[in-house]
């Protein structure tokens, strides 16, 4: 009985860690002038032409995972969205070039 309880606790801890990890990871794609963010349980579309107020590029050096790039998007509503290269290495360059080509005037100074 005790081993069953210990096994259940270990499973709960493992699934909690996985849920926390997948909550932060997402699939980000450009579809025309829309940025589509798919989370494990939801989907958000941002119309960059109508909603983007400003954007900037940030580079962060982490001790445990190395260097990552983040694109910070400020929306008209005042909310911020971040596109991080940690989980989206394939798409961050595509999004960066798209923003630079189409919305270069909205770019703030990089941090």
C-alpha atoms as a PDB file:
ATOM      1  CA  UNK A   1       0.000   0.000   0.000  1.00  0.00           C
ATOM      2  CA  UNK A   2       2.825   2.381   0.858  1.00  0.00           C
ATOM      3  CA  UNK A   3       4.537   1.769  -2.480  1.00  0.00           C
ATOM      4  CA  UNK A   4       1.285   2.556  -4.279  1.00  0.00           C
ATOM      5  CA  UNK A   5       1.026   5.897  -2.452  1.00  0.00           C
ATOM      6  CA  UNK A   6       4.685   6.703  -3.200  1.00  0.00           C
ATOM      7  CA  UNK A   7       4.204   5.802  -6.870  1.00  0.00           C
ATOM      8  CA  UNK A   8       1.094   7.996  -7.047  1.00  0.00           C
ATOM      9  CA  UNK A   9       2.977  10.925  -5.495  1.00  0.00           C
ATOM     10  CA  UNK A  10       5.836  10.502  -7.975  1.00  0.00           C
ATOM     11  CA  UNK A  11       3.379  10.384 -10.892  1.00  0.00           C
ATOM     12  CA  UNK A  12       1.629  13.522  -9.646  1.00  0.00           C
ATOM     13  CA  UNK A  13       4.974  15.342  -9.387  1.00  0.00           C
ATOM     14  CA  UNK A  14       6.041  14.242 -12.869  1.00  0.00           C
ATOM     15  CA  UNK A  15       2.732  15.245 -14.455  1.00  0.00           C
ATOM     16  CA  UNK A  16       2.759  18.571 -12.585  1.00  0.00           C
ATOM     17  CA  UNK A  17       6.226  19.330 -13.946  1.00  0.00           C
ATOM     18  CA  UNK A  18       5.110  18.379 -17.474  1.00  0.00           C
ATOM     19  CA  UNK A  19       2.005  20.543 -17.188  1.00  0.00           C
ATOM     20  CA  UNK A  20       4.088  23.508 -16.061  1.00  0.00           C
ATOM     21  CA  UNK A  21       6.558  22.984 -18.905  1.00  0.00           C
ATOM     22  CA  UNK A  22       3.906  22.635 -21.629  1.00  0.00           C
ATOM     23  CA  UNK A  23       1.950  25.601 -20.292  1.00  0.00           C
ATOM     24  CA  UNK A  24       4.910  27.818 -21.071  1.00  0.00           C
ATOM     25  CA  UNK A  25       5.750  26.262 -24.413  1.00  0.00           C
ATOM     26  CA  UNK A  26       3.715  27.040 -27.467  1.00  0.00           C
ATOM     27  CA  UNK A  27       3.651  26.771 -31.219  1.00  0.00           C
ATOM     28  CA  UNK A  28       3.968  30.165 -32.894  1.00  0.00           C
ATOM     29  CA  UNK A  29       3.363  30.652 -36.617  1.00  0.00           C
ATOM     30  CA  UNK A  30       2.906  33.524 -39.034  1.00  0.00           C
ATOM     31  CA  UNK A  31      -0.206  33.235 -41.168  1.00  0.00           C
ATOM     32  CA  UNK A  32      -0.261  36.234 -43.457  1.00  0.00           C
ATOM     33  CA  UNK A  33      -0.135  39.286 -41.182  1.00  0.00           C
ATOM     34  CA  UNK A  34      -1.502  37.314 -38.224  1.00  0.00           C
ATOM     35  CA  UNK A  35       0.643  35.823 -35.498  1.00  0.00           C
ATOM     36  CA  UNK A  36      -1.015  32.588 -34.352  1.00  0.00           C
ATOM     37  CA  UNK A  37      -0.013  31.259 -30.943  1.00  0.00           C
ATOM     38  CA  UNK A  38      -1.201  27.744 -30.121  1.00  0.00           C
ATOM     39  CA  UNK A  39      -0.958  26.723 -26.486  1.00  0.00           C
ATOM     40  CA  UNK A  40      -1.676  23.144 -25.363  1.00  0.00           C
ATOM     41  CA  UNK A  41      -5.261  24.075 -24.479  1.00  0.00           C
ATOM     42  CA  UNK A  42      -6.007  27.262 -26.420  1.00  0.00           C
ATOM     43  CA  UNK A  43      -5.218  29.370 -29.479  1.00  0.00           C
ATOM     44  CA  UNK A  44      -4.631  33.132 -29.803  1.00  0.00           C
ATOM     45  CA  UNK A  45      -4.456  35.151 -33.006  1.00  0.00           C
ATOM     46  CA  UNK A  46      -2.852  38.590 -33.101  1.00  0.00           C
ATOM     47  CA  UNK A  47      -3.512  40.765 -36.138  1.00  0.00           C
ATOM     48  CA  UNK A  48      -0.151  42.516 -36.310  1.00  0.00           C
ATOM     49  CA  UNK A  49      -1.356  45.217 -38.692  1.00  0.00           C
ATOM     50  CA  UNK A  50      -4.170  46.335 -36.374  1.00  0.00           C
ATOM     51  CA  UNK A  51      -2.908  45.407 -32.904  1.00  0.00           C
ATOM     52  CA  UNK A  52       0.878  45.930 -32.909  1.00  0.00           C
ATOM     53  CA  UNK A  53       1.949  49.120 -31.136  1.00  0.00           C
ATOM     54  CA  UNK A  54       5.707  48.464 -30.948  1.00  0.00           C
ATOM     55  CA  UNK A  55       8.222  45.655 -30.806  1.00  0.00           C
ATOM     56  CA  UNK A  56      11.827  45.087 -29.780  1.00  0.00           C
ATOM     57  CA  UNK A  57      14.435  42.354 -29.810  1.00  0.00           C
ATOM     58  CA  UNK A  58      16.102  41.201 -26.609  1.00  0.00           C
ATOM     59  CA  UNK A  59      18.973  38.795 -26.087  1.00  0.00           C
ATOM     60  CA  UNK A  60      19.260  36.994 -22.775  1.00  0.00           C
ATOM     61  CA  UNK A  61      22.179  34.922 -21.460  1.00  0.00           C
ATOM     62  CA  UNK A  62      21.022  32.144 -19.138  1.00  0.00           C
ATOM     63  CA  UNK A  63      23.529  30.184 -17.095  1.00  0.00           C
ATOM     64  CA  UNK A  64      21.745  26.875 -17.580  1.00  0.00           C
ATOM     65  CA  UNK A  65      20.506  27.031 -21.208  1.00  0.00           C
ATOM     66  CA  UNK A  66      22.800  29.534 -22.902  1.00  0.00           C
ATOM     67  CA  UNK A  67      21.795  32.492 -25.062  1.00  0.00           C
ATOM     68  CA  UNK A  68      18.212  33.011 -26.187  1.00  0.00           C
ATOM     69  CA  UNK A  69      16.547  35.740 -28.207  1.00  0.00           C
ATOM     70  CA  UNK A  70      13.141  37.155 -27.397  1.00  0.00           C
ATOM     71  CA  UNK A  71      10.908  39.359 -29.516  1.00  0.00           C
ATOM     72  CA  UNK A  72       8.718  41.499 -27.275  1.00  0.00           C
ATOM     73  CA  UNK A  73       5.458  42.649 -28.873  1.00  0.00           C
ATOM     74  CA  UNK A  74       3.528  45.537 -27.296  1.00  0.00           C
ATOM     75  CA  UNK A  75      -0.111  45.543 -28.374  1.00  0.00           C
ATOM     76  CA  UNK A  76      -2.518  48.491 -28.602  1.00  0.00           C
ATOM     77  CA  UNK A  77      -4.314  47.139 -25.524  1.00  0.00           C
ATOM     78  CA  UNK A  78      -1.137  47.608 -23.473  1.00  0.00           C
ATOM     79  CA  UNK A  79      -0.472  43.873 -23.162  1.00  0.00           C
ATOM     80  CA  UNK A  80       2.877  42.355 -24.050  1.00  0.00           C
ATOM     81  CA  UNK A  81       3.548  39.055 -25.828  1.00  0.00           C
ATOM     82  CA  UNK A  82       6.953  37.457 -25.997  1.00  0.00           C
ATOM     83  CA  UNK A  83       8.266  35.137 -28.699  1.00  0.00           C
ATOM     84  CA  UNK A  84      11.178  33.206 -27.248  1.00  0.00           C
ATOM     85  CA  UNK A  85      13.778  31.239 -29.209  1.00  0.00           C
ATOM     86  CA  UNK A  86      14.006  28.671 -26.424  1.00  0.00           C
ATOM     87  CA  UNK A  87      10.921  26.841 -27.670  1.00  0.00           C
ATOM     88  CA  UNK A  88      10.530  28.389 -31.141  1.00  0.00           C
ATOM     89  CA  UNK A  89      13.964  28.353 -32.734  1.00  0.00           C
ATOM     90  CA  UNK A  90      12.579  27.703 -36.210  1.00  0.00           C
ATOM     91  CA  UNK A  91      10.138  30.589 -36.297  1.00  0.00           C
ATOM     92  CA  UNK A  92      11.906  33.394 -34.429  1.00  0.00           C
ATOM     93  CA  UNK A  93      14.032  34.365 -37.436  1.00  0.00           C
ATOM     94  CA  UNK A  94      10.993  34.295 -39.717  1.00  0.00           C
ATOM     95  CA  UNK A  95       9.026  36.511 -37.315  1.00  0.00           C
ATOM     96  CA  UNK A  96      11.994  38.863 -36.844  1.00  0.00           C
ATOM     97  CA  UNK A  97      12.457  39.374 -40.595  1.00  0.00           C
ATOM     98  CA  UNK A  98       8.706  39.815 -41.109  1.00  0.00           C
ATOM     99  CA  UNK A  99       8.507  42.453 -38.364  1.00  0.00           C
ATOM    100  CA  UNK A 100      11.648  44.222 -39.575  1.00  0.00           C
ATOM    101  CA  UNK A 101      10.404  44.334 -43.190  1.00  0.00           C
ATOM    102  CA  UNK A 102       6.787  45.285 -42.486  1.00  0.00           C
ATOM    103  CA  UNK A 103       6.848  47.097 -39.140  1.00  0.00           C
ATOM    104  CA  UNK A 104      10.384  48.509 -38.922  1.00  0.00           C
ATOM    105  CA  UNK A 105       9.044  51.938 -37.968  1.00  0.00           C
ATOM    106  CA  UNK A 106       7.397  50.465 -34.855  1.00  0.00           C
ATOM    107  CA  UNK A 107      10.639  48.938 -33.588  1.00  0.00           C
ATOM    108  CA  UNK A 108      11.942  50.290 -30.289  1.00  0.00           C
ATOM    109  CA  UNK A 109      15.589  50.310 -29.312  1.00  0.00           C
ATOM    110  CA  UNK A 110      16.848  46.820 -28.508  1.00  0.00           C
ATOM    111  CA  UNK A 111      17.727  45.991 -24.955  1.00  0.00           C
END
